[in-house]
Amino acid sequence: MGDIANSKQVTILEVVEKLLDKGVVISGDLILSCGNVDLVYLNLKLVLTSVQTMLEGNNLKKDVNL
């Protein structure tokens, strides 16, 4: 990703390609409340990666466990 950061013109497609190649995890909390009373608490996690990257990571785990 260093090559992209150093170039002057970066397309959104190049950024998405790099993100999918490495994988991204986004996490956050959402609290719905009414009258200072918390009604709903959601702990959200989003994993964004390509299928190929996911399978390669899964194969690495299998090799380590052998």
PDB file of N, CA and C in Angstrom:
ATOM      1  N   MET A   1       0.823  -1.185   0.000  1.00  0.00           N
ATOM      2  CA  MET A   1       0.000   0.000   0.000  1.00  0.00           C
ATOM      3  C   MET A   1       0.865   1.246   0.000  1.00  0.00           C
ATOM      4  N   GLY A   2       2.145   1.114   0.273  1.00  0.00           N
ATOM      5  CA  GLY A   2       3.036   2.257   0.261  1.00  0.00           C
ATOM      6  C   GLY A   2       3.153   2.879  -1.117  1.00  0.00           C
ATOM      7  N   ASP A   3       3.104   2.032  -2.165  1.00  0.00           N
ATOM      8  CA  ASP A   3       3.184   2.560  -3.526  1.00  0.00           C
ATOM      9  C   ASP A   3       1.991   3.451  -3.841  1.00  0.00           C
ATOM     10  N   ILE A   4       0.824   3.042  -3.406  1.00  0.00           N
ATOM     11  CA  ILE A   4      -0.383   3.830  -3.660  1.00  0.00           C
ATOM     12  C   ILE A   4      -0.348   5.132  -2.877  1.00  0.00           C
ATOM     13  N   ALA A   5       0.097   5.079  -1.640  1.00  0.00           N
ATOM     14  CA  ALA A   5       0.123   6.282  -0.808  1.00  0.00           C
ATOM     15  C   ALA A   5       1.077   7.325  -1.368  1.00  0.00           C
ATOM     16  N   ASN A   6       2.147   6.902  -2.037  1.00  0.00           N
ATOM     17  CA  ASN A   6       3.123   7.832  -2.579  1.00  0.00           C
ATOM     18  C   ASN A   6       2.719   8.409  -3.932  1.00  0.00           C
ATOM     19  N   SER A   7       1.806   7.766  -4.653  1.00  0.00           N
ATOM     20  CA  SER A   7       1.396   8.294  -5.951  1.00  0.00           C
ATOM     21  C   SER A   7       0.436   9.461  -5.753  1.00  0.00           C
ATOM     22  N   LYS A   8       0.390  10.329  -6.751  1.00  0.00           N
ATOM     23  CA  LYS A   8      -0.421  11.535  -6.617  1.00  0.00           C
ATOM     24  C   LYS A   8      -1.881  11.282  -6.939  1.00  0.00           C
ATOM     25  N   GLN A   9      -2.180  10.384  -7.866  1.00  0.00           N
ATOM     26  CA  GLN A   9      -3.562  10.106  -8.237  1.00  0.00           C
ATOM     27  C   GLN A   9      -3.887   8.656  -7.911  1.00  0.00           C
ATOM     28  N   VAL A  10      -4.812   8.467  -7.007  1.00  0.00           N
ATOM     29  CA  VAL A  10      -5.223   7.136  -6.585  1.00  0.00           C
ATOM     30  C   VAL A  10      -6.710   6.995  -6.884  1.00  0.00           C
ATOM     31  N   THR A  11      -7.066   5.934  -7.576  1.00  0.00           N
ATOM     32  CA  THR A  11      -8.479   5.701  -7.850  1.00  0.00           C
ATOM     33  C   THR A  11      -9.089   4.888  -6.717  1.00  0.00           C
ATOM     34  N   ILE A  12     -10.384   5.006  -6.563  1.00  0.00           N
ATOM     35  CA  ILE A  12     -11.083   4.246  -5.527  1.00  0.00           C
ATOM     36  C   ILE A  12     -10.956   2.749  -5.797  1.00  0.00           C
ATOM     37  N   LEU A  13     -10.855   2.372  -7.055  1.00  0.00           N
ATOM     38  CA  LEU A  13     -10.694   0.964  -7.409  1.00  0.00           C
ATOM     39  C   LEU A  13      -9.380   0.398  -6.886  1.00  0.00           C
ATOM     40  N   GLU A  14      -8.306   1.182  -6.956  1.00  0.00           N
ATOM     41  CA  GLU A  14      -7.012   0.740  -6.427  1.00  0.00           C
ATOM     42  C   GLU A  14      -7.067   0.572  -4.910  1.00  0.00           C
ATOM     43  N   VAL A  15      -7.747   1.469  -4.234  1.00  0.00           N
ATOM     44  CA  VAL A  15      -7.869   1.376  -2.776  1.00  0.00           C
ATOM     45  C   VAL A  15      -8.666   0.139  -2.394  1.00  0.00           C
ATOM     46  N   VAL A  16      -9.789  -0.094  -3.071  1.00  0.00           N
ATOM     47  CA  VAL A  16     -10.616  -1.272  -2.777  1.00  0.00           C
ATOM     48  C   VAL A  16      -9.842  -2.551  -3.066  1.00  0.00           C
ATOM     49  N   GLU A  17      -9.074  -2.575  -4.147  1.00  0.00           N
ATOM     50  CA  GLU A  17      -8.273  -3.756  -4.479  1.00  0.00           C
ATOM     51  C   GLU A  17      -7.273  -4.076  -3.368  1.00  0.00           C
ATOM     52  N   LYS A  18      -6.593  -3.066  -2.858  1.00  0.00           N
ATOM     53  CA  LYS A  18      -5.619  -3.281  -1.782  1.00  0.00           C
ATOM     54  C   LYS A  18      -6.310  -3.724  -0.493  1.00  0.00           C
ATOM     55  N   LEU A  19      -7.468  -3.127  -0.184  1.00  0.00           N
ATOM     56  CA  LEU A  19      -8.192  -3.511   1.026  1.00  0.00           C
ATOM     57  C   LEU A  19      -8.654  -4.959   0.950  1.00  0.00           C
ATOM     58  N   LEU A  20      -9.172  -5.371  -0.200  1.00  0.00           N
ATOM     59  CA  LEU A  20      -9.623  -6.750  -0.352  1.00  0.00           C
ATOM     60  C   LEU A  20      -8.457  -7.728  -0.345  1.00  0.00           C
ATOM     61  N   ASP A  21      -7.313  -7.299  -0.850  1.00  0.00           N
ATOM     62  CA  ASP A  21      -6.133  -8.162  -0.882  1.00  0.00           C
ATOM     63  C   ASP A  21      -5.634  -8.460   0.529  1.00  0.00           C
ATOM     64  N   LYS A  22      -5.646  -7.481   1.399  1.00  0.00           N
ATOM     65  CA  LYS A  22      -5.140  -7.652   2.765  1.00  0.00           C
ATOM     66  C   LYS A  22      -6.236  -8.033   3.746  1.00  0.00           C
ATOM     67  N   GLY A  23      -7.443  -7.538   3.538  1.00  0.00           N
ATOM     68  CA  GLY A  23      -8.545  -7.770   4.462  1.00  0.00           C
ATOM     69  C   GLY A  23      -8.650  -6.644   5.473  1.00  0.00           C
ATOM     70  N   VAL A  24      -9.875  -6.345   5.862  1.00  0.00           N
ATOM     71  CA  VAL A  24     -10.138  -5.255   6.794  1.00  0.00           C
ATOM     72  C   VAL A  24     -11.171  -5.728   7.806  1.00  0.00           C
ATOM     73  N   VAL A  25     -10.975  -5.361   9.067  1.00  0.00           N
ATOM     74  CA  VAL A  25     -11.964  -5.618  10.109  1.00  0.00           C
ATOM     75  C   VAL A  25     -12.392  -4.276  10.674  1.00  0.00           C
ATOM     76  N   ILE A  26     -13.691  -4.031  10.667  1.00  0.00           N
ATOM     77  CA  ILE A  26     -14.255  -2.801  11.221  1.00  0.00           C
ATOM     78  C   ILE A  26     -15.168  -3.214  12.365  1.00  0.00           C
ATOM     79  N   SER A  27     -14.988  -2.583  13.521  1.00  0.00           N
ATOM     80  CA  SER A  27     -15.849  -2.906  14.657  1.00  0.00           C
ATOM     81  C   SER A  27     -16.364  -1.622  15.288  1.00  0.00           C
ATOM     82  N   GLY A  28     -17.521  -1.741  15.918  1.00  0.00           N
ATOM     83  CA  GLY A  28     -18.107  -0.572  16.562  1.00  0.00           C
ATOM     84  C   GLY A  28     -19.269  -0.979  17.446  1.00  0.00           C
ATOM     85  N   ASP A  29     -19.728  -0.041  18.229  1.00  0.00           N
ATOM     86  CA  ASP A  29     -20.851  -0.259  19.135  1.00  0.00           C
ATOM     87  C   ASP A  29     -21.978   0.693  18.771  1.00  0.00           C
ATOM     88  N   LEU A  30     -23.200   0.210  18.886  1.00  0.00           N
ATOM     89  CA  LEU A  30     -24.378   1.025  18.641  1.00  0.00           C
ATOM     90  C   LEU A  30     -25.307   0.865  19.831  1.00  0.00           C
ATOM     91  N   ILE A  31     -25.651   1.976  20.457  1.00  0.00           N
ATOM     92  CA  ILE A  31     -26.547   1.948  21.615  1.00  0.00           C
ATOM     93  C   ILE A  31     -27.762   2.802  21.293  1.00  0.00           C
ATOM     94  N   LEU A  32     -28.945   2.187  21.343  1.00  0.00           N
ATOM     95  CA  LEU A  32     -30.194   2.914  21.153  1.00  0.00           C
ATOM     96  C   LEU A  32     -30.794   3.178  22.524  1.00  0.00           C
ATOM     97  N   SER A  33     -31.074   4.445  22.789  1.00  0.00           N
ATOM     98  CA  SER A  33     -31.613   4.787  24.101  1.00  0.00           C
ATOM     99  C   SER A  33     -32.766   5.763  23.952  1.00  0.00           C
ATOM    100  N   CYS A  34     -33.581   5.814  24.987  1.00  0.00           N
ATOM    101  CA  CYS A  34     -34.716   6.728  25.032  1.00  0.00           C
ATOM    102  C   CYS A  34     -34.841   7.231  26.459  1.00  0.00           C
ATOM    103  N   GLY A  35     -34.770   8.534  26.649  1.00  0.00           N
ATOM    104  CA  GLY A  35     -34.890   9.100  27.992  1.00  0.00           C
ATOM    105  C   GLY A  35     -33.765   8.673  28.910  1.00  0.00           C
ATOM    106  N   ASN A  36     -32.527   8.651  28.403  1.00  0.00           N
ATOM    107  CA  ASN A  36     -31.348   8.232  29.167  1.00  0.00           C
ATOM    108  C   ASN A  36     -31.422   6.792  29.660  1.00  0.00           C
ATOM    109  N   VAL A  37     -32.234   5.971  29.008  1.00  0.00           N
ATOM    110  CA  VAL A  37     -32.315   4.542  29.326  1.00  0.00           C
ATOM    111  C   VAL A  37     -31.862   3.774  28.087  1.00  0.00           C
ATOM    112  N   ASP A  38     -30.790   2.994  28.234  1.00  0.00           N
ATOM    113  CA  ASP A  38     -30.291   2.195  27.115  1.00  0.00           C
ATOM    114  C   ASP A  38     -31.254   1.051  26.842  1.00  0.00           C
ATOM    115  N   LEU A  39     -31.783   1.010  25.629  1.00  0.00           N
ATOM    116  CA  LEU A  39     -32.747  -0.024  25.268  1.00  0.00           C
ATOM    117  C   LEU A  39     -32.104  -1.169  24.488  1.00  0.00           C
ATOM    118  N   VAL A  40     -31.207  -0.842  23.568  1.00  0.00           N
ATOM    119  CA  VAL A  40     -30.577  -1.853  22.721  1.00  0.00           C
ATOM    120  C   VAL A  40     -29.089  -1.547  22.632  1.00  0.00           C
ATOM    121  N   TYR A  41     -28.266  -2.581  22.820  1.00  0.00           N
ATOM    122  CA  TYR A  41     -26.817  -2.456  22.668  1.00  0.00           C
ATOM    123  C   TYR A  41     -26.373  -3.463  21.616  1.00  0.00           C
ATOM    124  N   LEU A  42     -25.725  -2.980  20.567  1.00  0.00           N
ATOM    125  CA  LEU A  42     -25.227  -3.852  19.510  1.00  0.00           C
ATOM    126  C   LEU A  42     -23.719  -3.712  19.400  1.00  0.00           C
ATOM    127  N   ASN A  43     -23.025  -4.835  19.438  1.00  0.00           N
ATOM    128  CA  ASN A  43     -21.584  -4.873  19.202  1.00  0.00           C
ATOM    129  C   ASN A  43     -21.407  -5.401  17.785  1.00  0.00           C
ATOM    130  N   LEU A  44     -20.973  -4.525  16.870  1.00  0.00           N
ATOM    131  CA  LEU A  44     -20.923  -4.862  15.454  1.00  0.00           C
ATOM    132  C   LEU A  44     -19.492  -5.113  15.000  1.00  0.00           C
ATOM    133  N   LYS A  45     -19.320  -6.146  14.180  1.00  0.00           N
ATOM    134  CA  LYS A  45     -18.023  -6.437  13.582  1.00  0.00           C
ATOM    135  C   LYS A  45     -18.254  -6.768  12.112  1.00  0.00           C
ATOM    136  N   LEU A  46     -17.457  -6.157  11.249  1.00  0.00           N
ATOM    137  CA  LEU A  46     -17.552  -6.371   9.811  1.00  0.00           C
ATOM    138  C   LEU A  46     -16.186  -6.806   9.299  1.00  0.00           C
ATOM    139  N   VAL A  47     -16.157  -7.931   8.600  1.00  0.00           N
ATOM    140  CA  VAL A  47     -14.924  -8.418   7.984  1.00  0.00           C
ATOM    141  C   VAL A  47     -15.091  -8.279   6.478  1.00  0.00           C
ATOM    142  N   LEU A  48     -14.157  -7.572   5.863  1.00  0.00           N
ATOM    143  CA  LEU A  48     -14.201  -7.343   4.422  1.00  0.00           C
ATOM    144  C   LEU A  48     -12.903  -7.867   3.819  1.00  0.00           C
ATOM    145  N   THR A  49     -13.014  -8.919   3.018  1.00  0.00           N
ATOM    146  CA  THR A  49     -11.843  -9.505   2.376  1.00  0.00           C
ATOM    147  C   THR A  49     -12.294 -10.273   1.142  1.00  0.00           C
ATOM    148  N   SER A  50     -11.356 -10.653   0.329  1.00  0.00           N
ATOM    149  CA  SER A  50     -11.696 -11.481  -0.832  1.00  0.00           C
ATOM    150  C   SER A  50     -11.730 -12.944  -0.400  1.00  0.00           C
ATOM    151  N   VAL A  51     -12.419 -13.752  -1.169  1.00  0.00           N
ATOM    152  CA  VAL A  51     -12.495 -15.182  -0.861  1.00  0.00           C
ATOM    153  C   VAL A  51     -11.105 -15.806  -0.940  1.00  0.00           C
ATOM    154  N   GLN A  52     -10.312 -15.400  -1.904  1.00  0.00           N
ATOM    155  CA  GLN A  52      -8.960 -15.946  -2.059  1.00  0.00           C
ATOM    156  C   GLN A  52      -8.107 -15.641  -0.832  1.00  0.00           C
ATOM    157  N   THR A  53      -8.165 -14.419  -0.321  1.00  0.00           N
ATOM    158  CA  THR A  53      -7.395 -14.051   0.872  1.00  0.00           C
ATOM    159  C   THR A  53      -7.859 -14.853   2.078  1.00  0.00           C
ATOM    160  N   MET A  54      -9.169 -15.039   2.208  1.00  0.00           N
ATOM    161  CA  MET A  54      -9.707 -15.800   3.327  1.00  0.00           C
ATOM    162  C   MET A  54      -9.231 -17.253   3.277  1.00  0.00           C
ATOM    163  N   LEU A  55      -9.273 -17.859   2.095  1.00  0.00           N
ATOM    164  CA  LEU A  55      -8.843 -19.249   1.960  1.00  0.00           C
ATOM    165  C   LEU A  55      -7.348 -19.403   2.191  1.00  0.00           C
ATOM    166  N   GLU A  56      -6.551 -18.445   1.738  1.00  0.00           N
ATOM    167  CA  GLU A  56      -5.105 -18.497   1.981  1.00  0.00           C
ATOM    168  C   GLU A  56      -4.808 -18.404   3.469  1.00  0.00           C
ATOM    169  N   GLY A  57      -5.507 -17.549   4.182  1.00  0.00           N
ATOM    170  CA  GLY A  57      -5.329 -17.435   5.630  1.00  0.00           C
ATOM    171  C   GLY A  57      -5.749 -18.703   6.341  1.00  0.00           C
ATOM    172  N   ASN A  58      -6.800 -19.340   5.856  1.00  0.00           N
ATOM    173  CA  ASN A  58      -7.277 -20.583   6.442  1.00  0.00           C
ATOM    174  C   ASN A  58      -6.257 -21.697   6.223  1.00  0.00           C
ATOM    175  N   ASN A  59      -5.627 -21.746   5.062  1.00  0.00           N
ATOM    176  CA  ASN A  59      -4.596 -22.759   4.785  1.00  0.00           C
ATOM    177  C   ASN A  59      -3.373 -22.554   5.665  1.00  0.00           C
ATOM    178  N   LEU A  60      -3.013 -21.313   5.947  1.00  0.00           N
ATOM    179  CA  LEU A  60      -1.872 -21.044   6.827  1.00  0.00           C
ATOM    180  C   LEU A  60      -2.140 -21.572   8.229  1.00  0.00           C
ATOM    181  N   LYS A  61      -3.367 -21.407   8.724  1.00  0.00           N
ATOM    182  CA  LYS A  61      -3.709 -21.912  10.057  1.00  0.00           C
ATOM    183  C   LYS A  61      -3.603 -23.428  10.100  1.00  0.00           C
ATOM    184  N   LYS A  62      -4.035 -24.110   9.041  1.00  0.00           N
ATOM    185  CA  LYS A  62      -3.954 -25.571   9.004  1.00  0.00           C
ATOM    186  C   LYS A  62      -2.505 -26.034   9.025  1.00  0.00           C
ATOM    187  N   ASP A  63      -1.618 -25.338   8.301  1.00  0.00           N
ATOM    188  CA  ASP A  63      -0.202 -25.704   8.274  1.00  0.00           C
ATOM    189  C   ASP A  63       0.443 -25.534   9.644  1.00  0.00           C
ATOM    190  N   VAL A  64       0.063 -24.513  10.387  1.00  0.00           N
ATOM    191  CA  VAL A  64       0.638 -24.260  11.711  1.00  0.00           C
ATOM    192  C   VAL A  64       0.191 -25.329  12.696  1.00  0.00           C
ATOM    193  N   ASN A  65      -1.049 -25.807  12.578  1.00  0.00           N
ATOM    194  CA  ASN A  65      -1.579 -26.807  13.501  1.00  0.00           C
ATOM    195  C   ASN A  65      -0.993 -28.192  13.265  1.00  0.00           C
ATOM    196  N   LEU A  66      -0.375 -28.440  12.120  1.00  0.00           N
ATOM    197  CA  LEU A  66       0.205 -29.762  11.849  1.00  0.00           C
ATOM    198  C   LEU A  66       1.444 -29.907  12.636  1.00  0.00           C
TER     199      LEU A  66
END
